C-alpha atoms as a PDB file:
ATOM      1  CA  MET A   1      26.463  12.881 -43.104  1.00  0.00           C
ATOM      2  CA  PHE A   2      28.668   9.992 -41.951  1.00  0.00           C
ATOM      3  CA  ALA A   3      28.538  11.205 -38.344  1.00  0.00           C
ATOM      4  CA  SER A   4      24.755  11.472 -38.518  1.00  0.00           C
ATOM      5  CA  PHE A   5      24.489   7.917 -39.905  1.00  0.00           C
ATOM      6  CA  TRP A   6      26.837   6.562 -37.223  1.00  0.00           C
ATOM      7  CA  ASN A   7      24.876   8.283 -34.458  1.00  0.00           C
ATOM      8  CA  ARG A   8      21.595   6.909 -35.817  1.00  0.00           C
ATOM      9  CA  ASN A   9      23.044   3.380 -36.106  1.00  0.00           C
ATOM     10  CA  HIS A  10      24.517   3.598 -32.596  1.00  0.00           C
ATOM     11  CA  ALA A  11      21.195   4.774 -31.152  1.00  0.00           C
ATOM     12  CA  HIS A  12      19.388   1.904 -32.907  1.00  0.00           C
ATOM     13  CA  LYS A  13      21.761  -0.690 -31.429  1.00  0.00           C
ATOM     14  CA  THR A  14      21.422   0.884 -27.973  1.00  0.00           C
ATOM     15  CA  LEU A  15      17.644   0.654 -28.226  1.00  0.00           C
ATOM     16  CA  GLU A  16      17.879  -2.982 -29.360  1.00  0.00           C
ATOM     17  CA  ARG A  17      20.044  -3.827 -26.344  1.00  0.00           C
ATOM     18  CA  ALA A  18      17.635  -2.025 -24.024  1.00  0.00           C
ATOM     19  CA  VAL A  19      14.675  -3.963 -25.447  1.00  0.00           C
ATOM     20  CA  LYS A  20      16.528  -7.290 -25.060  1.00  0.00           C
ATOM     21  CA  ASN A  21      17.517  -6.433 -21.463  1.00  0.00           C
ATOM     22  CA  PHE A  22      13.943  -5.447 -20.655  1.00  0.00           C
ATOM     23  CA  GLN A  23      12.587  -8.679 -22.146  1.00  0.00           C
ATOM     24  CA  ALA A  24      15.170 -10.702 -20.189  1.00  0.00           C
ATOM     25  CA  MET A  25      14.185  -8.922 -16.968  1.00  0.00           C
ATOM     26  CA  GLU A  26      10.499  -9.594 -17.662  1.00  0.00           C
ATOM     27  CA  GLU A  27      11.217 -13.282 -18.300  1.00  0.00           C
ATOM     28  CA  ALA A  28      13.312 -13.558 -15.127  1.00  0.00           C
ATOM     29  CA  GLU A  29      10.560 -11.863 -13.089  1.00  0.00           C
ATOM     30  CA  LYS A  30       7.996 -14.258 -14.572  1.00  0.00           C
ATOM     31  CA  GLU A  31      10.150 -17.254 -13.530  1.00  0.00           C
ATOM     32  CA  GLU A  32      10.520 -15.815 -10.023  1.00  0.00           C
ATOM     33  CA  LYS A  33       6.751 -15.433  -9.677  1.00  0.00           C
ATOM     34  CA  GLU A  34       6.300 -19.044 -10.817  1.00  0.00           C
ATOM     35  CA  GLN A  35       8.880 -20.258  -8.253  1.00  0.00           C
ATOM     36  CA  ALA A  36       7.213 -18.255  -5.460  1.00  0.00           C
ATOM     37  CA  ALA A  37       3.808 -19.615  -6.465  1.00  0.00           C
ATOM     38  CA  LEU A  38       5.230 -23.158  -6.486  1.00  0.00           C
ATOM     39  CA  ARG A  39       6.576 -22.793  -2.944  1.00  0.00           C
ATOM     40  CA  ALA A  40       3.301 -21.264  -1.771  1.00  0.00           C
ATOM     41  CA  HIS A  41       1.312 -24.086  -3.380  1.00  0.00           C
ATOM     42  CA  SER A  42       3.630 -26.709  -1.882  1.00  0.00           C
ATOM     43  CA  SER A  43       3.280 -25.145   1.560  1.00  0.00           C
ATOM     44  CA  SER A  44      -0.508 -25.302   1.304  1.00  0.00           C
ATOM     45  CA  ASN A  45      -0.484 -29.107   0.871  1.00  0.00           C
ATOM     46  CA  LYS A  46      -0.191 -29.878   4.562  1.00  0.00           C
ATOM     47  CA  GLY A  47      -0.633 -33.269   6.182  1.00  0.00           C
ATOM     48  CA  SER A  48      -0.958 -34.504   9.725  1.00  0.00           C
ATOM     49  CA  HIS A  49       1.650 -37.290   9.530  1.00  0.00           C
ATOM     50  CA  ILE A  50       4.684 -37.416  11.800  1.00  0.00           C
ATOM     51  CA  ALA A  51       7.657 -35.762  10.093  1.00  0.00           C
ATOM     52  CA  SER A  52      10.108 -38.597  10.791  1.00  0.00           C
ATOM     53  CA  GLU A  53       7.690 -41.096   9.203  1.00  0.00           C
ATOM     54  CA  LEU A  54       7.168 -38.847   6.189  1.00  0.00           C
ATOM     55  CA  MET A  55      10.915 -38.424   5.785  1.00  0.00           C
ATOM     56  CA  ALA A  56      11.439 -42.184   5.925  1.00  0.00           C
ATOM     57  CA  SER A  57       8.785 -42.722   3.238  1.00  0.00           C
ATOM     58  CA  THR A  58      10.598 -40.424   0.782  1.00  0.00           C
ATOM     59  CA  GLN A  59      14.048 -42.040   0.898  1.00  0.00           C
ATOM     60  CA  ASP A  60      14.049 -44.884  -1.659  1.00  0.00           C
ATOM     61  CA  ASP A  61      17.554 -44.946  -3.177  1.00  0.00           C
ATOM     62  CA  THR A  62      18.128 -41.187  -3.138  1.00  0.00           C
ATOM     63  CA  THR A  63      21.726 -39.968  -3.280  1.00  0.00           C
ATOM     64  CA  LEU A  64      23.063 -36.434  -2.871  1.00  0.00           C
ATOM     65  CA  GLN A  65      23.628 -36.290  -6.640  1.00  0.00           C
ATOM     66  CA  ASP A  66      20.013 -37.359  -7.248  1.00  0.00           C
ATOM     67  CA  ILE A  67      18.788 -34.499  -5.080  1.00  0.00           C
ATOM     68  CA  ASP A  68      20.783 -32.026  -7.168  1.00  0.00           C
ATOM     69  CA  ARG A  69      19.863 -33.495 -10.574  1.00  0.00           C
ATOM     70  CA  THR A  70      16.462 -35.114 -10.462  1.00  0.00           C
ATOM     71  CA  PHE A  71      14.183 -32.815  -8.515  1.00  0.00           C
ATOM     72  CA  GLN A  72      12.981 -29.241  -8.821  1.00  0.00           C
ATOM     73  CA  PRO A  73      15.735 -27.079  -7.222  1.00  0.00           C
ATOM     74  CA  PHE A  74      14.580 -25.388  -4.028  1.00  0.00           C
ATOM     75  CA  ILE A  75      17.257 -22.664  -3.936  1.00  0.00           C
ATOM     76  CA  LYS A  76      19.455 -20.882  -6.476  1.00  0.00           C
ATOM     77  CA  ASP A  77      22.706 -22.741  -5.951  1.00  0.00           C
ATOM     78  CA  ASP A  78      24.733 -20.215  -7.977  1.00  0.00           C
ATOM     79  CA  VAL A  79      24.098 -17.355  -5.494  1.00  0.00           C
ATOM     80  CA  VAL A  80      25.198 -19.077  -2.265  1.00  0.00           C
ATOM     81  CA  VAL A  81      28.773 -18.951  -0.946  1.00  0.00           C
ATOM     82  CA  PRO A  82      30.407 -20.933   1.917  1.00  0.00           C
ATOM     83  CA  ILE A  83      30.319 -19.369   5.389  1.00  0.00           C
ATOM     84  CA  ILE A  84      30.818 -22.538   7.493  1.00  0.00           C
ATOM     85  CA  THR A  85      32.960 -25.461   6.291  1.00  0.00           C
ATOM     86  CA  LYS A  86      33.333 -28.900   7.895  1.00  0.00           C
ATOM     87  CA  GLU A  87      32.314 -27.771  11.376  1.00  0.00           C
ATOM     88  CA  VAL A  88      32.040 -30.757  13.708  1.00  0.00           C
ATOM     89  CA  PHE A  89      28.665 -31.051  15.450  1.00  0.00           C
ATOM     90  CA  PRO A  90      27.853 -33.448  18.351  1.00  0.00           C
ATOM     91  CA  CYS A  91      25.125 -35.579  16.751  1.00  0.00           C
ATOM     92  CA  THR A  92      24.483 -37.521  13.558  1.00  0.00           C
ATOM     93  CA  ALA A  93      22.662 -36.029  10.567  1.00  0.00           C
ATOM     94  CA  GLU A  94      19.570 -38.105  11.416  1.00  0.00           C
ATOM     95  CA  GLN A  95      19.651 -36.998  15.059  1.00  0.00           C
ATOM     96  CA  PHE A  96      19.948 -33.372  13.924  1.00  0.00           C
ATOM     97  CA  PHE A  97      16.616 -33.644  12.117  1.00  0.00           C
ATOM     98  CA  ASN A  98      14.874 -35.712  14.796  1.00  0.00           C
ATOM     99  CA  LYS A  99      16.031 -33.607  17.749  1.00  0.00           C
ATOM    100  CA  LEU A 100      16.162 -30.105  16.258  1.00  0.00           C
ATOM    101  CA  LEU A 101      13.908 -29.917  13.203  1.00  0.00           C
ATOM    102  CA  ASN A 102      11.126 -32.421  13.884  1.00  0.00           C
ATOM    103  CA  ASP A 103       7.571 -31.140  14.412  1.00  0.00           C
ATOM    104  CA  ASP A 104       7.635 -31.858  18.154  1.00  0.00           C
ATOM    105  CA  SER A 105      10.991 -30.137  18.748  1.00  0.00           C
ATOM    106  CA  MET A 106      11.059 -26.802  20.598  1.00  0.00           C
ATOM    107  CA  PHE A 107      14.463 -25.867  19.178  1.00  0.00           C
ATOM    108  CA  THR A 108      13.163 -23.427  16.539  1.00  0.00           C
ATOM    109  CA  HIS A 109      11.101 -21.590  19.151  1.00  0.00           C
ATOM    110  CA  GLN A 110      14.107 -21.375  21.491  1.00  0.00           C
ATOM    111  CA  TYR A 111      16.381 -20.105  18.704  1.00  0.00           C
ATOM    112  CA  ARG A 112      13.831 -17.502  17.572  1.00  0.00           C
ATOM    113  CA  ALA A 113      13.277 -16.411  21.188  1.00  0.00           C
ATOM    114  CA  GLU A 114      17.060 -16.003  21.598  1.00  0.00           C
ATOM    115  CA  ARG A 115      16.994 -13.698  18.570  1.00  0.00           C
ATOM    116  CA  LYS A 116      14.047 -11.824  20.139  1.00  0.00           C
ATOM    117  CA  ASP A 117      11.804 -12.721  17.196  1.00  0.00           C
ATOM    118  CA  THR A 118       8.074 -12.570  17.928  1.00  0.00           C
ATOM    119  CA  ASP A 119       4.729 -13.820  16.593  1.00  0.00           C
ATOM    120  CA  ILE A 120       6.274 -17.158  15.541  1.00  0.00           C
ATOM    121  CA  LYS A 121       4.056 -19.488  13.515  1.00  0.00           C
ATOM    122  CA  LEU A 122       5.572 -22.876  12.688  1.00  0.00           C
ATOM    123  CA  GLU A 123       3.767 -25.203  10.309  1.00  0.00           C
ATOM    124  CA  GLN A 124       4.224 -28.975  10.173  1.00  0.00           C
ATOM    125  CA  TRP A 125       6.478 -30.745   7.703  1.00  0.00           C
ATOM    126  CA  HIS A 126       4.701 -32.212   4.693  1.00  0.00           C
ATOM    127  CA  ILE A 127       5.515 -33.910   1.397  1.00  0.00           C
ATOM    128  CA  ALA A 128       5.436 -31.871  -1.812  1.00  0.00           C
ATOM    129  CA  ASP A 129       5.413 -33.482  -5.252  1.00  0.00           C
ATOM    130  CA  GLU A 130       7.515 -30.671  -6.752  1.00  0.00           C
ATOM    131  CA  TYR A 131      10.504 -31.263  -4.467  1.00  0.00           C
ATOM    132  CA  SER A 132      12.196 -34.243  -2.837  1.00  0.00           C
ATOM    133  CA  GLY A 133      11.895 -34.682   0.929  1.00  0.00           C
ATOM    134  CA  LEU A 134       9.759 -32.429   3.130  1.00  0.00           C
ATOM    135  CA  LEU A 135       8.689 -28.778   3.234  1.00  0.00           C
ATOM    136  CA  ARG A 136       7.327 -26.432   5.866  1.00  0.00           C
ATOM    137  CA  GLU A 137       6.705 -22.707   6.276  1.00  0.00           C
ATOM    138  CA  ILE A 138       7.629 -20.441   9.197  1.00  0.00           C
ATOM    139  CA  SER A 139       6.495 -16.861   9.749  1.00  0.00           C
ATOM    140  CA  PHE A 140       7.635 -14.423  12.436  1.00  0.00           C
ATOM    141  CA  ARG A 141       8.518 -10.808  13.122  1.00  0.00           C
ATOM    142  CA  SER A 142      12.214  -9.980  13.299  1.00  0.00           C
ATOM    143  CA  LEU A 143      13.998  -6.972  14.778  1.00  0.00           C
ATOM    144  CA  CYS A 144      15.836  -4.701  12.301  1.00  0.00           C
ATOM    145  CA  ASN A 145      19.217  -3.213  13.208  1.00  0.00           C
ATOM    146  CA  ASN A 146      19.660  -1.090  10.079  1.00  0.00           C
ATOM    147  CA  PRO A 147      18.790   2.625  10.464  1.00  0.00           C
ATOM    148  CA  MET A 148      17.184   2.556   7.005  1.00  0.00           C
ATOM    149  CA  CYS A 149      14.685  -0.097   8.145  1.00  0.00           C
ATOM    150  CA  PRO A 150      11.631  -0.033  10.435  1.00  0.00           C
ATOM    151  CA  PRO A 151      11.999  -1.335  14.038  1.00  0.00           C
ATOM    152  CA  ASP A 152      10.906  -4.799  12.930  1.00  0.00           C
ATOM    153  CA  THR A 153       9.659  -6.640   9.859  1.00  0.00           C
ATOM    154  CA  ALA A 154       7.390  -9.539   8.996  1.00  0.00           C
ATOM    155  CA  MET A 155       9.357 -12.531   7.701  1.00  0.00           C
ATOM    156  CA  THR A 156       8.427 -15.716   5.877  1.00  0.00           C
ATOM    157  CA  GLU A 157      10.826 -18.668   5.676  1.00  0.00           C
ATOM    158  CA  TRP A 158      10.280 -21.793   3.596  1.00  0.00           C
ATOM    159  CA  GLN A 159      12.308 -24.826   4.718  1.00  0.00           C
ATOM    160  CA  HIS A 160      13.209 -27.965   2.772  1.00  0.00           C
ATOM    161  CA  SER A 161      14.774 -31.129   4.230  1.00  0.00           C
ATOM    162  CA  VAL A 162      15.827 -34.339   2.514  1.00  0.00           C
ATOM    163  CA  PHE A 163      18.033 -37.303   3.461  1.00  0.00           C
ATOM    164  CA  THR A 164      20.098 -39.542   1.253  1.00  0.00           C
ATOM    165  CA  ALA A 165      18.942 -43.184   1.264  1.00  0.00           C
ATOM    166  CA  ASN A 166      21.053 -44.328   4.234  1.00  0.00           C
ATOM    167  CA  LYS A 167      20.312 -41.133   6.225  1.00  0.00           C
ATOM    168  CA  SER A 168      24.019 -40.372   6.488  1.00  0.00           C
ATOM    169  CA  VAL A 169      23.583 -36.999   4.740  1.00  0.00           C
ATOM    170  CA  LEU A 170      20.896 -34.398   5.469  1.00  0.00           C
ATOM    171  CA  VAL A 171      20.329 -31.457   3.136  1.00  0.00           C
ATOM    172  CA  PHE A 172      18.493 -28.585   4.844  1.00  0.00           C
ATOM    173  CA  GLU A 173      17.640 -25.565   2.685  1.00  0.00           C
ATOM    174  CA  THR A 174      15.834 -22.303   3.422  1.00  0.00           C
ATOM    175  CA  VAL A 175      14.392 -19.405   1.430  1.00  0.00           C
ATOM    176  CA  GLN A 176      13.687 -16.296   3.486  1.00  0.00           C
ATOM    177  CA  GLN A 177      11.640 -13.251   2.456  1.00  0.00           C
ATOM    178  CA  ALA A 178      11.506  -9.937   4.360  1.00  0.00           C
ATOM    179  CA  HIS A 179       8.262  -8.033   3.826  1.00  0.00           C
ATOM    180  CA  ASP A 180       8.665  -4.572   5.384  1.00  0.00           C
ATOM    181  CA  VAL A 181      12.278  -3.512   4.709  1.00  0.00           C
ATOM    182  CA  PRO A 182      13.355  -1.258   1.813  1.00  0.00           C
ATOM    183  CA  PHE A 183      13.783  -3.334  -1.379  1.00  0.00           C
ATOM    184  CA  GLY A 184      12.546  -6.366   0.576  1.00  0.00           C
ATOM    185  CA  SER A 185      10.470  -7.595  -2.363  1.00  0.00           C
ATOM    186  CA  TYR A 186      13.522  -7.436  -4.631  1.00  0.00           C
ATOM    187  CA  PHE A 187      15.515 -10.256  -3.036  1.00  0.00           C
ATOM    188  CA  GLU A 188      15.408 -13.488  -1.025  1.00  0.00           C
ATOM    189  CA  VAL A 189      17.970 -15.017   1.321  1.00  0.00           C
ATOM    190  CA  HIS A 190      18.872 -18.557   0.224  1.00  0.00           C
ATOM    191  CA  SER A 191      20.830 -21.030   2.349  1.00  0.00           C
ATOM    192  CA  ARG A 192      21.909 -24.652   2.115  1.00  0.00           C
ATOM    193  CA  TRP A 193      23.109 -26.828   4.999  1.00  0.00           C
ATOM    194  CA  VAL A 194      24.730 -30.190   4.260  1.00  0.00           C
ATOM    195  CA  LEU A 195      25.207 -32.413   7.313  1.00  0.00           C
ATOM    196  CA  GLU A 196      27.225 -35.606   6.872  1.00  0.00           C
ATOM    197  CA  THR A 197      27.443 -38.229   9.627  1.00  0.00           C
ATOM    198  CA  THR A 198      31.051 -39.083  10.522  1.00  0.00           C
ATOM    199  CA  SER A 199      30.544 -41.304  13.604  1.00  0.00           C
ATOM    200  CA  GLU A 200      27.811 -42.627  15.890  1.00  0.00           C
ATOM    201  CA  SER A 201      27.709 -39.298  17.715  1.00  0.00           C
ATOM    202  CA  SER A 202      28.931 -36.626  15.314  1.00  0.00           C
ATOM    203  CA  CYS A 203      28.608 -35.074  11.874  1.00  0.00           C
ATOM    204  CA  THR A 204      30.178 -32.272   9.867  1.00  0.00           C
ATOM    205  CA  ILE A 205      28.209 -29.221   8.735  1.00  0.00           C
ATOM    206  CA  ASP A 206      28.774 -27.167   5.582  1.00  0.00           C
ATOM    207  CA  ILE A 207      26.670 -24.008   5.255  1.00  0.00           C
ATOM    208  CA  LYS A 208      26.286 -21.735   2.230  1.00  0.00           C
ATOM    209  CA  VAL A 209      24.224 -18.558   2.037  1.00  0.00           C
ATOM    210  CA  GLY A 210      23.544 -15.776  -0.431  1.00  0.00           C
ATOM    211  CA  ALA A 211      21.107 -13.156  -1.687  1.00  0.00           C
ATOM    212  CA  HIS A 212      19.060 -14.018  -4.743  1.00  0.00           C
ATOM    213  CA  PHE A 213      17.840 -10.847  -6.456  1.00  0.00           C
ATOM    214  CA  LYS A 214      14.539 -11.152  -8.283  1.00  0.00           C
ATOM    215  CA  LYS A 215      14.960  -7.581  -9.582  1.00  0.00           C
ATOM    216  CA  TRP A 216      17.980  -5.343  -9.971  1.00  0.00           C
ATOM    217  CA  CYS A 217      18.275  -2.547  -7.418  1.00  0.00           C
ATOM    218  CA  LEU A 218      20.739   0.229  -6.659  1.00  0.00           C
ATOM    219  CA  MET A 219      21.640  -1.143  -3.211  1.00  0.00           C
ATOM    220  CA  GLN A 220      22.359  -4.663  -4.466  1.00  0.00           C
ATOM    221  CA  SER A 221      26.064  -4.791  -3.570  1.00  0.00           C
ATOM    222  CA  LYS A 222      25.532  -3.269  -0.113  1.00  0.00           C
ATOM    223  CA  ILE A 223      22.643  -5.646   0.635  1.00  0.00           C
ATOM    224  CA  LYS A 224      24.767  -8.690  -0.296  1.00  0.00           C
ATOM    225  CA  THR A 225      27.664  -7.598   1.915  1.00  0.00           C
ATOM    226  CA  GLY A 226      25.463  -6.782   4.909  1.00  0.00           C
ATOM    227  CA  LEU A 227      23.479  -9.990   4.508  1.00  0.00           C
ATOM    228  CA  LEU A 228      26.533 -12.251   4.658  1.00  0.00           C
ATOM    229  CA  SER A 229      27.821 -10.488   7.777  1.00  0.00           C
ATOM    230  CA  GLU A 230      24.468 -10.697   9.578  1.00  0.00           C
ATOM    231  CA  TYR A 231      23.742 -14.274   8.551  1.00  0.00           C
ATOM    232  CA  LYS A 232      27.141 -15.493   9.780  1.00  0.00           C
ATOM    233  CA  LYS A 233      26.302 -14.083  13.237  1.00  0.00           C
ATOM    234  CA  ASP A 234      22.891 -15.768  13.081  1.00  0.00           C
ATOM    235  CA  ILE A 235      24.456 -19.117  12.178  1.00  0.00           C
ATOM    236  CA  GLU A 236      26.901 -18.902  15.081  1.00  0.00           C
ATOM    237  CA  LEU A 237      23.986 -18.187  17.441  1.00  0.00           C
ATOM    238  CA  MET A 238      21.864 -20.953  15.922  1.00  0.00           C
ATOM    239  CA  LEU A 239      24.617 -23.554  16.329  1.00  0.00           C
ATOM    240  CA  LYS A 240      25.230 -22.446  19.931  1.00  0.00           C
ATOM    241  CA  VAL A 241      21.507 -22.736  20.787  1.00  0.00           C
ATOM    242  CA  ALA A 242      21.416 -26.120  18.995  1.00  0.00           C
ATOM    243  CA  ARG A 243      24.340 -27.465  21.067  1.00  0.00           C
ATOM    244  CA  ASP A 244      22.724 -26.234  24.288  1.00  0.00           C
ATOM    245  CA  TYR A 245      19.384 -27.759  23.272  1.00  0.00           C
ATOM    246  CA  LEU A 246      20.979 -31.150  22.555  1.00  0.00           C
ATOM    247  CA  GLU A 247      22.849 -31.111  25.866  1.00  0.00           C
ATOM    248  CA  SER A 248      19.650 -30.203  27.731  1.00  0.00           C
ATOM    249  CA  SER A 249      17.786 -33.028  25.952  1.00  0.00           C
ATOM    250  CA  LYS A 250      20.462 -35.522  27.009  1.00  0.00           C
ATOM    251  CA  GLN A 251      20.186 -34.418  30.640  1.00  0.00           C
ATOM    252  CA  VAL A 252      16.383 -34.695  30.573  1.00  0.00           C
ATOM    253  CA  GLY A 253      16.681 -38.141  28.955  1.00  0.00           C
ATOM    254  CA  SER A 254      19.134 -39.264  31.651  1.00  0.00           C
ATOM    255  CA  ILE A 255      16.814 -38.060  34.427  1.00  0.00           C
ATOM    256  CA  ASP A 256      13.847 -39.857  32.833  1.00  0.00           C
ATOM    257  CA  ARG A 257      15.825 -43.109  32.589  1.00  0.00           C
ATOM    258  CA  ASN A 258      16.879 -42.855  36.225  1.00  0.00           C
ATOM    259  CA  ASN A 259      13.270 -42.222  37.280  1.00  0.00           C
ATOM    260  CA  ASP A 260      12.085 -45.214  35.257  1.00  0.00           C
ATOM    261  CA  GLU A 261      14.745 -47.406  36.834  1.00  0.00           C
ATOM    262  CA  THR A 262      13.785 -46.215  40.313  1.00  0.00           C
ATOM    263  CA  GLN A 263      10.100 -46.901  39.599  1.00  0.00           C
ATOM    264  CA  LYS A 264      10.906 -50.435  38.403  1.00  0.00           C
ATOM    265  CA  ASN A 265      12.961 -51.120  41.531  1.00  0.00           C
ATOM    266  CA  ASN A 266      10.134 -49.854  43.777  1.00  0.00           C
ATOM    267  CA  ASN A 267       7.565 -51.988  41.950  1.00  0.00           C
ATOM    268  CA  SER A 268       9.700 -55.122  42.324  1.00  0.00           C
ATOM    269  CA  LYS A 269       9.888 -54.774  46.117  1.00  0.00           C
END
């Protein structure tokens, strides 16, 4: 009799735990849908203003701590881990945005072309009330190297950029969603770049990345490990293309200045 009572009590507690876990999963999934809807809504509020002007209009007295505390978080900070720390980069944080991320920059197209991504659609930066700074959406098709995946997959990436008040620190965050890979709807890739100006021509870059799982899946551990390895390679390529792009821009700027000077000298004769 005692054994029967114990078994019945144990089964009841197991069922209670299962119900609580199911309810927690449902609540978490509901929150994820709300976050996805918020990003989609924010991305639909597009404007035609110049990104640098929009960014300047959102500064006020914002500090890095204000970004973390005051506004709706754009990524899940608890899932990202450091992959690049204090790497020196040959431009200021403000120049990084203006030269590489601004609407008129071709850097993103060059980086995506280097990765052999196709069908790239790059929207303009715009202000969103839900977040500080600026947002934009990018879509493209990306090659898959995993034998479990199709040859390529549709990708959507939401980007968020915000400066501190004196523009000495740029926070650049991304949320990436793969649409055609196995378990692709179960997780997102979150990243956070923090660029801090250290001189008139340089800054340091800290990069964190991680997989945020909206649902539990059997391959969770393997996906996390593979993601970190692949993303680190992508970051190394992205920084290389960025350095080359900046150097090319400097050379073009130097040629333009020399041509202007020559034209002025010819006009004065």
